[in-house]
Amino acid sequence: MTDIFAIALGVASTIASAIGILLLKMASRFGFMKMVFSRHFILGGVLFLFSGFFMILALKTEELSLLFPITSLTYIWVTLLSKAYLKEDMNKWKICGVALIVLGVMSVTLL
């Protein structure tokens, strides 16, 4: 039986990772020393730590072969966040890619 809590932790891990990378991208606009001490950089690093922590907790009760494909959701979150916060383009190829990732994750987790 699939552990729903473990899957939720896996999804939370991908969200924390995506927000973390968005914050690191925002921090990269500063010079090196200012970047390292910026709130974007620090919070981004903390979110990456939480991401790993969530995944480790999920792996305690669920199979790696089920949880690892869920990490592909990170690509979806990053695409959506970069469109919303960084004003990056969303072309038809990115939309198709996101749709394929969603189908892949659903097929692995639901079957």
PDB file of N, CA and C in Angstrom:
ATOM      1  N   MET A   1       0.846  -1.186   0.000  1.00  0.00           N
ATOM      2  CA  MET A   1       0.000   0.000   0.000  1.00  0.00           C
ATOM      3  C   MET A   1       0.887   1.243   0.000  1.00  0.00           C
ATOM      4  N   THR A   2       0.525   2.199  -0.809  1.00  0.00           N
ATOM      5  CA  THR A   2       1.283   3.435  -0.928  1.00  0.00           C
ATOM      6  C   THR A   2       1.033   4.319   0.288  1.00  0.00           C
ATOM      7  N   ASP A   3       2.128   4.846   0.835  1.00  0.00           N
ATOM      8  CA  ASP A   3       2.046   5.739   1.987  1.00  0.00           C
ATOM      9  C   ASP A   3       1.822   7.169   1.490  1.00  0.00           C
ATOM     10  N   ILE A   4       0.610   7.673   1.649  1.00  0.00           N
ATOM     11  CA  ILE A   4       0.238   9.011   1.166  1.00  0.00           C
ATOM     12  C   ILE A   4       1.079  10.090   1.838  1.00  0.00           C
ATOM     13  N   PHE A   5       1.380   9.921   3.118  1.00  0.00           N
ATOM     14  CA  PHE A   5       2.189  10.912   3.833  1.00  0.00           C
ATOM     15  C   PHE A   5       3.589  10.987   3.226  1.00  0.00           C
ATOM     16  N   ALA A   6       4.156   9.844   2.860  1.00  0.00           N
ATOM     17  CA  ALA A   6       5.482   9.832   2.239  1.00  0.00           C
ATOM     18  C   ALA A   6       5.447  10.538   0.887  1.00  0.00           C
ATOM     19  N   ILE A   7       4.401  10.324   0.125  1.00  0.00           N
ATOM     20  CA  ILE A   7       4.276  11.003  -1.164  1.00  0.00           C
ATOM     21  C   ILE A   7       4.113  12.508  -0.952  1.00  0.00           C
ATOM     22  N   ALA A   8       3.330  12.899   0.044  1.00  0.00           N
ATOM     23  CA  ALA A   8       3.166  14.326   0.358  1.00  0.00           C
ATOM     24  C   ALA A   8       4.507  14.945   0.752  1.00  0.00           C
ATOM     25  N   LEU A   9       5.304  14.211   1.526  1.00  0.00           N
ATOM     26  CA  LEU A   9       6.639  14.707   1.882  1.00  0.00           C
ATOM     27  C   LEU A   9       7.522  14.826   0.640  1.00  0.00           C
ATOM     28  N   GLY A  10       7.396  13.868  -0.270  1.00  0.00           N
ATOM     29  CA  GLY A  10       8.155  13.934  -1.520  1.00  0.00           C
ATOM     30  C   GLY A  10       7.782  15.155  -2.335  1.00  0.00           C
ATOM     31  N   VAL A  11       6.497  15.439  -2.421  1.00  0.00           N
ATOM     32  CA  VAL A  11       6.032  16.626  -3.149  1.00  0.00           C
ATOM     33  C   VAL A  11       6.496  17.896  -2.432  1.00  0.00           C
ATOM     34  N   ALA A  12       6.411  17.914  -1.102  1.00  0.00           N
ATOM     35  CA  ALA A  12       6.895  19.070  -0.326  1.00  0.00           C
ATOM     36  C   ALA A  12       8.384  19.284  -0.578  1.00  0.00           C
ATOM     37  N   SER A  13       9.121  18.197  -0.714  1.00  0.00           N
ATOM     38  CA  SER A  13      10.548  18.280  -1.010  1.00  0.00           C
ATOM     39  C   SER A  13      10.783  18.976  -2.348  1.00  0.00           C
ATOM     40  N   THR A  14       9.975  18.636  -3.354  1.00  0.00           N
ATOM     41  CA  THR A  14      10.151  19.258  -4.669  1.00  0.00           C
ATOM     42  C   THR A  14       9.790  20.740  -4.644  1.00  0.00           C
ATOM     43  N   ILE A  15       8.774  21.091  -3.878  1.00  0.00           N
ATOM     44  CA  ILE A  15       8.374  22.501  -3.780  1.00  0.00           C
ATOM     45  C   ILE A  15       9.456  23.311  -3.070  1.00  0.00           C
ATOM     46  N   ALA A  16       9.979  22.776  -1.972  1.00  0.00           N
ATOM     47  CA  ALA A  16      11.054  23.467  -1.244  1.00  0.00           C
ATOM     48  C   ALA A  16      12.281  23.632  -2.134  1.00  0.00           C
ATOM     49  N   SER A  17      12.602  22.602  -2.896  1.00  0.00           N
ATOM     50  CA  SER A  17      13.750  22.664  -3.794  1.00  0.00           C
ATOM     51  C   SER A  17      13.546  23.722  -4.880  1.00  0.00           C
ATOM     52  N   ALA A  18      12.354  23.770  -5.464  1.00  0.00           N
ATOM     53  CA  ALA A  18      12.073  24.736  -6.528  1.00  0.00           C
ATOM     54  C   ALA A  18      12.120  26.174  -6.009  1.00  0.00           C
ATOM     55  N   ILE A  19      11.545  26.406  -4.848  1.00  0.00           N
ATOM     56  CA  ILE A  19      11.587  27.757  -4.275  1.00  0.00           C
ATOM     57  C   ILE A  19      13.024  28.109  -3.908  1.00  0.00           C
ATOM     58  N   GLY A  20      13.770  27.129  -3.405  1.00  0.00           N
ATOM     59  CA  GLY A  20      15.174  27.351  -3.072  1.00  0.00           C
ATOM     60  C   GLY A  20      15.989  27.772  -4.282  1.00  0.00           C
ATOM     61  N   ILE A  21      15.805  27.085  -5.407  1.00  0.00           N
ATOM     62  CA  ILE A  21      16.575  27.430  -6.606  1.00  0.00           C
ATOM     63  C   ILE A  21      16.144  28.786  -7.161  1.00  0.00           C
ATOM     64  N   LEU A  22      14.857  29.118  -7.036  1.00  0.00           N
ATOM     65  CA  LEU A  22      14.388  30.441  -7.452  1.00  0.00           C
ATOM     66  C   LEU A  22      15.079  31.529  -6.627  1.00  0.00           C
ATOM     67  N   LEU A  23      15.161  31.319  -5.325  1.00  0.00           N
ATOM     68  CA  LEU A  23      15.819  32.300  -4.456  1.00  0.00           C
ATOM     69  C   LEU A  23      17.309  32.408  -4.762  1.00  0.00           C
ATOM     70  N   LEU A  24      17.950  31.283  -5.071  1.00  0.00           N
ATOM     71  CA  LEU A  24      19.372  31.338  -5.433  1.00  0.00           C
ATOM     72  C   LEU A  24      19.566  32.086  -6.749  1.00  0.00           C
ATOM     73  N   LYS A  25      18.661  31.904  -7.682  1.00  0.00           N
ATOM     74  CA  LYS A  25      18.719  32.662  -8.939  1.00  0.00           C
ATOM     75  C   LYS A  25      18.577  34.156  -8.657  1.00  0.00           C
ATOM     76  N   MET A  26      17.664  34.513  -7.762  1.00  0.00           N
ATOM     77  CA  MET A  26      17.487  35.925  -7.406  1.00  0.00           C
ATOM     78  C   MET A  26      18.737  36.472  -6.720  1.00  0.00           C
ATOM     79  N   ALA A  27      19.383  35.651  -5.908  1.00  0.00           N
ATOM     80  CA  ALA A  27      20.598  36.085  -5.214  1.00  0.00           C
ATOM     81  C   ALA A  27      21.761  36.263  -6.178  1.00  0.00           C
ATOM     82  N   SER A  28      21.736  35.569  -7.306  1.00  0.00           N
ATOM     83  CA  SER A  28      22.868  35.605  -8.235  1.00  0.00           C
ATOM     84  C   SER A  28      23.052  36.956  -8.909  1.00  0.00           C
ATOM     85  N   ARG A  29      22.091  37.839  -8.779  1.00  0.00           N
ATOM     86  CA  ARG A  29      22.240  39.164  -9.399  1.00  0.00           C
ATOM     87  C   ARG A  29      23.199  40.062  -8.618  1.00  0.00           C
ATOM     88  N   PHE A  30      23.536  39.671  -7.398  1.00  0.00           N
ATOM     89  CA  PHE A  30      24.462  40.447  -6.570  1.00  0.00           C
ATOM     90  C   PHE A  30      25.901  40.007  -6.826  1.00  0.00           C
ATOM     91  N   GLY A  31      26.860  40.823  -6.386  1.00  0.00           N
ATOM     92  CA  GLY A  31      28.251  40.411  -6.395  1.00  0.00           C
ATOM     93  C   GLY A  31      28.444  39.267  -5.404  1.00  0.00           C
ATOM     94  N   PHE A  32      29.581  38.586  -5.471  1.00  0.00           N
ATOM     95  CA  PHE A  32      29.773  37.363  -4.690  1.00  0.00           C
ATOM     96  C   PHE A  32      29.566  37.579  -3.194  1.00  0.00           C
ATOM     97  N   MET A  33      30.239  38.542  -2.593  1.00  0.00           N
ATOM     98  CA  MET A  33      30.140  38.732  -1.141  1.00  0.00           C
ATOM     99  C   MET A  33      28.732  39.166  -0.722  1.00  0.00           C
ATOM    100  N   LYS A  34      28.134  40.056  -1.497  1.00  0.00           N
ATOM    101  CA  LYS A  34      26.779  40.485  -1.174  1.00  0.00           C
ATOM    102  C   LYS A  34      25.793  39.329  -1.370  1.00  0.00           C
ATOM    103  N   MET A  35      26.049  38.496  -2.389  1.00  0.00           N
ATOM    104  CA  MET A  35      25.186  37.356  -2.653  1.00  0.00           C
ATOM    105  C   MET A  35      25.194  36.373  -1.487  1.00  0.00           C
ATOM    106  N   VAL A  36      26.376  36.044  -0.996  1.00  0.00           N
ATOM    107  CA  VAL A  36      26.518  35.041   0.068  1.00  0.00           C
ATOM    108  C   VAL A  36      25.789  35.460   1.337  1.00  0.00           C
ATOM    109  N   PHE A  37      25.714  36.749   1.590  1.00  0.00           N
ATOM    110  CA  PHE A  37      25.065  37.226   2.808  1.00  0.00           C
ATOM    111  C   PHE A  37      23.639  37.744   2.567  1.00  0.00           C
ATOM    112  N   SER A  38      23.149  37.569   1.353  1.00  0.00           N
ATOM    113  CA  SER A  38      21.791  38.055   1.059  1.00  0.00           C
ATOM    114  C   SER A  38      20.741  37.107   1.637  1.00  0.00           C
ATOM    115  N   ARG A  39      19.586  37.642   1.918  1.00  0.00           N
ATOM    116  CA  ARG A  39      18.495  36.810   2.459  1.00  0.00           C
ATOM    117  C   ARG A  39      18.031  35.781   1.435  1.00  0.00           C
ATOM    118  N   HIS A  40      18.110  36.120   0.144  1.00  0.00           N
ATOM    119  CA  HIS A  40      17.723  35.160  -0.894  1.00  0.00           C
ATOM    120  C   HIS A  40      18.625  33.929  -0.854  1.00  0.00           C
ATOM    121  N   PHE A  41      19.922  34.166  -0.739  1.00  0.00           N
ATOM    122  CA  PHE A  41      20.891  33.073  -0.725  1.00  0.00           C
ATOM    123  C   PHE A  41      20.709  32.200   0.519  1.00  0.00           C
ATOM    124  N   ILE A  42      20.582  32.839   1.663  1.00  0.00           N
ATOM    125  CA  ILE A  42      20.456  32.097   2.927  1.00  0.00           C
ATOM    126  C   ILE A  42      19.153  31.302   2.957  1.00  0.00           C
ATOM    127  N   LEU A  43      18.044  31.933   2.610  1.00  0.00           N
ATOM    128  CA  LEU A  43      16.758  31.232   2.614  1.00  0.00           C
ATOM    129  C   LEU A  43      16.732  30.122   1.558  1.00  0.00           C
ATOM    130  N   GLY A  44      17.327  30.383   0.403  1.00  0.00           N
ATOM    131  CA  GLY A  44      17.411  29.349  -0.633  1.00  0.00           C
ATOM    132  C   GLY A  44      18.176  28.131  -0.142  1.00  0.00           C
ATOM    133  N   GLY A  45      19.290  28.358   0.550  1.00  0.00           N
ATOM    134  CA  GLY A  45      20.062  27.249   1.117  1.00  0.00           C
ATOM    135  C   GLY A  45      19.287  26.486   2.176  1.00  0.00           C
ATOM    136  N   VAL A  46      18.579  27.214   3.020  1.00  0.00           N
ATOM    137  CA  VAL A  46      17.765  26.572   4.067  1.00  0.00           C
ATOM    138  C   VAL A  46      16.674  25.711   3.430  1.00  0.00           C
ATOM    139  N   LEU A  47      16.046  26.213   2.386  1.00  0.00           N
ATOM    140  CA  LEU A  47      15.000  25.433   1.719  1.00  0.00           C
ATOM    141  C   LEU A  47      15.566  24.170   1.078  1.00  0.00           C
ATOM    142  N   PHE A  48      16.778  24.247   0.545  1.00  0.00           N
ATOM    143  CA  PHE A  48      17.414  23.040   0.015  1.00  0.00           C
ATOM    144  C   PHE A  48      17.647  22.017   1.120  1.00  0.00           C
ATOM    145  N   LEU A  49      18.046  22.484   2.295  1.00  0.00           N
ATOM    146  CA  LEU A  49      18.216  21.567   3.428  1.00  0.00           C
ATOM    147  C   LEU A  49      16.891  20.916   3.807  1.00  0.00           C
ATOM    148  N   PHE A  50      15.831  21.711   3.874  1.00  0.00           N
ATOM    149  CA  PHE A  50      14.510  21.158   4.177  1.00  0.00           C
ATOM    150  C   PHE A  50      14.077  20.160   3.107  1.00  0.00           C
ATOM    151  N   SER A  51      14.386  20.468   1.867  1.00  0.00           N
ATOM    152  CA  SER A  51      14.038  19.570   0.773  1.00  0.00           C
ATOM    153  C   SER A  51      14.656  18.190   0.988  1.00  0.00           C
ATOM    154  N   GLY A  52      15.930  18.176   1.317  1.00  0.00           N
ATOM    155  CA  GLY A  52      16.602  16.905   1.596  1.00  0.00           C
ATOM    156  C   GLY A  52      16.028  16.209   2.815  1.00  0.00           C
ATOM    157  N   PHE A  53      15.737  16.975   3.840  1.00  0.00           N
ATOM    158  CA  PHE A  53      15.165  16.419   5.070  1.00  0.00           C
ATOM    159  C   PHE A  53      13.803  15.776   4.789  1.00  0.00           C
ATOM    160  N   PHE A  54      12.955  16.469   4.028  1.00  0.00           N
ATOM    161  CA  PHE A  54      11.638  15.916   3.685  1.00  0.00           C
ATOM    162  C   PHE A  54      11.778  14.610   2.908  1.00  0.00           C
ATOM    163  N   MET A  55      12.715  14.583   1.963  1.00  0.00           N
ATOM    164  CA  MET A  55      12.883  13.378   1.154  1.00  0.00           C
ATOM    165  C   MET A  55      13.404  12.217   1.996  1.00  0.00           C
ATOM    166  N   ILE A  56      14.314  12.485   2.901  1.00  0.00           N
ATOM    167  CA  ILE A  56      14.822  11.423   3.778  1.00  0.00           C
ATOM    168  C   ILE A  56      13.695  10.857   4.630  1.00  0.00           C
ATOM    169  N   LEU A  57      12.848  11.721   5.175  1.00  0.00           N
ATOM    170  CA  LEU A  57      11.699  11.243   5.952  1.00  0.00           C
ATOM    171  C   LEU A  57      10.766  10.394   5.091  1.00  0.00           C
ATOM    172  N   ALA A  58      10.541  10.812   3.873  1.00  0.00           N
ATOM    173  CA  ALA A  58       9.667  10.051   2.972  1.00  0.00           C
ATOM    174  C   ALA A  58      10.268   8.687   2.651  1.00  0.00           C
ATOM    175  N   LEU A  59      11.578   8.650   2.466  1.00  0.00           N
ATOM    176  CA  LEU A  59      12.247   7.395   2.108  1.00  0.00           C
ATOM    177  C   LEU A  59      12.232   6.372   3.242  1.00  0.00           C
ATOM    178  N   LYS A  60      11.988   6.836   4.461  1.00  0.00           N
ATOM    179  CA  LYS A  60      11.923   5.898   5.588  1.00  0.00           C
ATOM    180  C   LYS A  60      10.749   4.939   5.449  1.00  0.00           C
ATOM    181  N   THR A  61       9.669   5.378   4.801  1.00  0.00           N
ATOM    182  CA  THR A  61       8.469   4.536   4.748  1.00  0.00           C
ATOM    183  C   THR A  61       8.028   4.156   3.340  1.00  0.00           C
ATOM    184  N   GLU A  62       8.688   4.666   2.321  1.00  0.00           N
ATOM    185  CA  GLU A  62       8.248   4.375   0.960  1.00  0.00           C
ATOM    186  C   GLU A  62       9.437   3.992   0.087  1.00  0.00           C
ATOM    187  N   GLU A  63       9.161   3.294  -0.991  1.00  0.00           N
ATOM    188  CA  GLU A  63      10.211   2.802  -1.883  1.00  0.00           C
ATOM    189  C   GLU A  63      10.829   3.934  -2.703  1.00  0.00           C
ATOM    190  N   LEU A  64      12.124   3.815  -2.915  1.00  0.00           N
ATOM    191  CA  LEU A  64      12.853   4.785  -3.725  1.00  0.00           C
ATOM    192  C   LEU A  64      12.309   4.810  -5.149  1.00  0.00           C
ATOM    193  N   SER A  65      11.965   3.644  -5.685  1.00  0.00           N
ATOM    194  CA  SER A  65      11.468   3.573  -7.064  1.00  0.00           C
ATOM    195  C   SER A  65      10.146   4.312  -7.246  1.00  0.00           C
ATOM    196  N   LEU A  66       9.422   4.529  -6.184  1.00  0.00           N
ATOM    197  CA  LEU A  66       8.186   5.316  -6.248  1.00  0.00           C
ATOM    198  C   LEU A  66       8.468   6.797  -6.014  1.00  0.00           C
ATOM    199  N   LEU A  67       9.315   7.103  -5.046  1.00  0.00           N
ATOM    200  CA  LEU A  67       9.549   8.504  -4.670  1.00  0.00           C
ATOM    201  C   LEU A  67      10.459   9.256  -5.636  1.00  0.00           C
ATOM    202  N   PHE A  68      11.453   8.586  -6.183  1.00  0.00           N
ATOM    203  CA  PHE A  68      12.407   9.323  -7.006  1.00  0.00           C
ATOM    204  C   PHE A  68      11.769   9.962  -8.239  1.00  0.00           C
ATOM    205  N   PRO A  69      10.862   9.284  -8.944  1.00  0.00           N
ATOM    206  CA  PRO A  69      10.217   9.969 -10.079  1.00  0.00           C
ATOM    207  C   PRO A  69       9.450  11.228  -9.673  1.00  0.00           C
ATOM    208  N   ILE A  70       8.998  11.279  -8.441  1.00  0.00           N
ATOM    209  CA  ILE A  70       8.277  12.467  -7.966  1.00  0.00           C
ATOM    210  C   ILE A  70       9.191  13.690  -7.976  1.00  0.00           C
ATOM    211  N   THR A  71      10.496  13.480  -7.843  1.00  0.00           N
ATOM    212  CA  THR A  71      11.418  14.618  -7.868  1.00  0.00           C
ATOM    213  C   THR A  71      11.358  15.361  -9.199  1.00  0.00           C
ATOM    214  N   SER A  72      10.830  14.717 -10.240  1.00  0.00           N
ATOM    215  CA  SER A  72      10.660  15.396 -11.530  1.00  0.00           C
ATOM    216  C   SER A  72       9.687  16.563 -11.438  1.00  0.00           C
ATOM    217  N   LEU A  73       8.845  16.550 -10.421  1.00  0.00           N
ATOM    218  CA  LEU A  73       7.923  17.677 -10.235  1.00  0.00           C
ATOM    219  C   LEU A  73       8.668  18.990 -10.023  1.00  0.00           C
ATOM    220  N   THR A  74       9.908  18.905  -9.569  1.00  0.00           N
ATOM    221  CA  THR A  74      10.714  20.113  -9.372  1.00  0.00           C
ATOM    222  C   THR A  74      10.786  20.917 -10.664  1.00  0.00           C
ATOM    223  N   TYR A  75      10.924  20.233 -11.817  1.00  0.00           N
ATOM    224  CA  TYR A  75      10.984  20.928 -13.104  1.00  0.00           C
ATOM    225  C   TYR A  75       9.711  21.728 -13.359  1.00  0.00           C
ATOM    226  N   ILE A  76       8.584  21.162 -12.961  1.00  0.00           N
ATOM    227  CA  ILE A  76       7.309  21.859 -13.159  1.00  0.00           C
ATOM    228  C   ILE A  76       7.250  23.109 -12.300  1.00  0.00           C
ATOM    229  N   TRP A  77       7.571  22.953 -11.010  1.00  0.00           N
ATOM    230  CA  TRP A  77       7.519  24.108 -10.100  1.00  0.00           C
ATOM    231  C   TRP A  77       8.483  25.198 -10.559  1.00  0.00           C
ATOM    232  N   VAL A  78       9.697  24.807 -10.968  1.00  0.00           N
ATOM    233  CA  VAL A  78      10.688  25.801 -11.403  1.00  0.00           C
ATOM    234  C   VAL A  78      10.180  26.545 -12.638  1.00  0.00           C
ATOM    235  N   THR A  79       9.587  25.817 -13.566  1.00  0.00           N
ATOM    236  CA  THR A  79       9.049  26.455 -14.772  1.00  0.00           C
ATOM    237  C   THR A  79       7.959  27.462 -14.415  1.00  0.00           C
ATOM    238  N   LEU A  80       7.040  27.061 -13.550  1.00  0.00           N
ATOM    239  CA  LEU A  80       5.947  27.959 -13.159  1.00  0.00           C
ATOM    240  C   LEU A  80       6.454  29.157 -12.358  1.00  0.00           C
ATOM    241  N   LEU A  81       7.375  28.911 -11.426  1.00  0.00           N
ATOM    242  CA  LEU A  81       7.911  30.006 -10.611  1.00  0.00           C
ATOM    243  C   LEU A  81       8.734  30.974 -11.449  1.00  0.00           C
ATOM    244  N   SER A  82       9.528  30.453 -12.413  1.00  0.00           N
ATOM    245  CA  SER A  82      10.325  31.359 -13.232  1.00  0.00           C
ATOM    246  C   SER A  82       9.453  32.200 -14.145  1.00  0.00           C
ATOM    247  N   LYS A  83       8.343  31.638 -14.577  1.00  0.00           N
ATOM    248  CA  LYS A  83       7.388  32.425 -15.376  1.00  0.00           C
ATOM    249  C   LYS A  83       6.762  33.520 -14.509  1.00  0.00           C
ATOM    250  N   ALA A  84       6.350  33.168 -13.299  1.00  0.00           N
ATOM    251  CA  ALA A  84       5.650  34.117 -12.425  1.00  0.00           C
ATOM    252  C   ALA A  84       6.568  35.185 -11.842  1.00  0.00           C
ATOM    253  N   TYR A  85       7.756  34.800 -11.389  1.00  0.00           N
ATOM    254  CA  TYR A  85       8.607  35.738 -10.649  1.00  0.00           C
ATOM    255  C   TYR A  85       9.773  36.301 -11.453  1.00  0.00           C
ATOM    256  N   LEU A  86      10.249  35.565 -12.442  1.00  0.00           N
ATOM    257  CA  LEU A  86      11.384  36.041 -13.230  1.00  0.00           C
ATOM    258  C   LEU A  86      10.962  36.488 -14.628  1.00  0.00           C
ATOM    259  N   LYS A  87       9.668  36.339 -14.913  1.00  0.00           N
ATOM    260  CA  LYS A  87       9.091  36.735 -16.208  1.00  0.00           C
ATOM    261  C   LYS A  87       9.763  36.016 -17.379  1.00  0.00           C
ATOM    262  N   GLU A  88      10.123  34.747 -17.184  1.00  0.00           N
ATOM    263  CA  GLU A  88      10.717  33.958 -18.260  1.00  0.00           C
ATOM    264  C   GLU A  88       9.630  33.501 -19.224  1.00  0.00           C
ATOM    265  N   ASP A  89      10.037  33.259 -20.468  1.00  0.00           N
ATOM    266  CA  ASP A  89       9.083  32.827 -21.494  1.00  0.00           C
ATOM    267  C   ASP A  89       8.609  31.403 -21.258  1.00  0.00           C
ATOM    268  N   MET A  90       7.367  31.162 -21.637  1.00  0.00           N
ATOM    269  CA  MET A  90       6.781  29.817 -21.556  1.00  0.00           C
ATOM    270  C   MET A  90       6.291  29.489 -22.966  1.00  0.00           C
ATOM    271  N   ASN A  91       7.118  28.775 -23.753  1.00  0.00           N
ATOM    272  CA  ASN A  91       6.712  28.451 -25.115  1.00  0.00           C
ATOM    273  C   ASN A  91       6.023  27.085 -25.168  1.00  0.00           C
ATOM    274  N   LYS A  92       5.587  26.707 -26.360  1.00  0.00           N
ATOM    275  CA  LYS A  92       4.825  25.462 -26.501  1.00  0.00           C
ATOM    276  C   LYS A  92       5.657  24.235 -26.142  1.00  0.00           C
ATOM    277  N   TRP A  93       6.963  24.276 -26.345  1.00  0.00           N
ATOM    278  CA  TRP A  93       7.814  23.128 -26.016  1.00  0.00           C
ATOM    279  C   TRP A  93       7.925  22.940 -24.509  1.00  0.00           C
ATOM    280  N   LYS A  94       8.007  24.037 -23.783  1.00  0.00           N
ATOM    281  CA  LYS A  94       8.039  23.938 -22.318  1.00  0.00           C
ATOM    282  C   LYS A  94       6.710  23.403 -21.787  1.00  0.00           C
ATOM    283  N   ILE A  95       5.621  23.867 -22.367  1.00  0.00           N
ATOM    284  CA  ILE A  95       4.301  23.388 -21.942  1.00  0.00           C
ATOM    285  C   ILE A  95       4.167  21.893 -22.219  1.00  0.00           C
ATOM    286  N   CYS A  96       4.609  21.452 -23.393  1.00  0.00           N
ATOM    287  CA  CYS A  96       4.570  20.013 -23.716  1.00  0.00           C
ATOM    288  C   CYS A  96       5.453  19.221 -22.758  1.00  0.00           C
ATOM    289  N   GLY A  97       6.624  19.746 -22.450  1.00  0.00           N
ATOM    290  CA  GLY A  97       7.524  19.071 -21.513  1.00  0.00           C
ATOM    291  C   GLY A  97       6.913  18.934 -20.133  1.00  0.00           C
ATOM    292  N   VAL A  98       6.297  19.998 -19.656  1.00  0.00           N
ATOM    293  CA  VAL A  98       5.635  19.959 -18.348  1.00  0.00           C
ATOM    294  C   VAL A  98       4.505  18.932 -18.362  1.00  0.00           C
ATOM    295  N   ALA A  99       3.735  18.893 -19.440  1.00  0.00           N
ATOM    296  CA  ALA A  99       2.636  17.920 -19.540  1.00  0.00           C
ATOM    297  C   ALA A  99       3.166  16.489 -19.519  1.00  0.00           C
ATOM    298  N   LEU A 100       4.264  16.236 -20.212  1.00  0.00           N
ATOM    299  CA  LEU A 100       4.853  14.892 -20.213  1.00  0.00           C
ATOM    300  C   LEU A 100       5.364  14.501 -18.829  1.00  0.00           C
ATOM    301  N   ILE A 101       5.943  15.456 -18.123  1.00  0.00           N
ATOM    302  CA  ILE A 101       6.417  15.174 -16.763  1.00  0.00           C
ATOM    303  C   ILE A 101       5.239  14.827 -15.860  1.00  0.00           C
ATOM    304  N   VAL A 102       4.162  15.591 -15.963  1.00  0.00           N
ATOM    305  CA  VAL A 102       2.970  15.311 -15.153  1.00  0.00           C
ATOM    306  C   VAL A 102       2.449  13.908 -15.447  1.00  0.00           C
ATOM    307  N   LEU A 103       2.348  13.555 -16.719  1.00  0.00           N
ATOM    308  CA  LEU A 103       1.874  12.217 -17.086  1.00  0.00           C
ATOM    309  C   LEU A 103       2.804  11.129 -16.557  1.00  0.00           C
ATOM    310  N   GLY A 104       4.095  11.366 -16.647  1.00  0.00           N
ATOM    311  CA  GLY A 104       5.056  10.386 -16.149  1.00  0.00           C
ATOM    312  C   GLY A 104       4.963  10.185 -14.649  1.00  0.00           C
ATOM    313  N   VAL A 105       4.890  11.271 -13.912  1.00  0.00           N
ATOM    314  CA  VAL A 105       4.786  11.172 -12.450  1.00  0.00           C
ATOM    315  C   VAL A 105       3.483  10.484 -12.063  1.00  0.00           C
ATOM    316  N   MET A 106       2.405  10.828 -12.731  1.00  0.00           N
ATOM    317  CA  MET A 106       1.117  10.195 -12.420  1.00  0.00           C
ATOM    318  C   MET A 106       1.152   8.700 -12.713  1.00  0.00           C
ATOM    319  N   SER A 107       1.780   8.323 -13.816  1.00  0.00           N
ATOM    320  CA  SER A 107       1.810   6.899 -14.158  1.00  0.00           C
ATOM    321  C   SER A 107       2.635   6.100 -13.162  1.00  0.00           C
ATOM    322  N   VAL A 108       3.683   6.685 -12.635  1.00  0.00           N
ATOM    323  CA  VAL A 108       4.521   5.967 -11.668  1.00  0.00           C
ATOM    324  C   VAL A 108       3.860   5.909 -10.297  1.00  0.00           C
ATOM    325  N   THR A 109       3.254   6.999  -9.866  1.00  0.00           N
ATOM    326  CA  THR A 109       2.696   7.028  -8.510  1.00  0.00           C
ATOM    327  C   THR A 109       1.328   6.373  -8.404  1.00  0.00           C
ATOM    328  N   LEU A 110       0.560   6.383  -9.477  1.00  0.00           N
ATOM    329  CA  LEU A 110      -0.787   5.830  -9.402  1.00  0.00           C
ATOM    330  C   LEU A 110      -0.871   4.367  -9.811  1.00  0.00           C
ATOM    331  N   LEU A 111       0.091   3.889 -10.562  1.00  0.00           N
ATOM    332  CA  LEU A 111       0.029   2.495 -11.032  1.00  0.00           C
ATOM    333  C   LEU A 111       0.804   1.560 -10.146  1.00  0.00           C
TER     334      LEU A 111
END
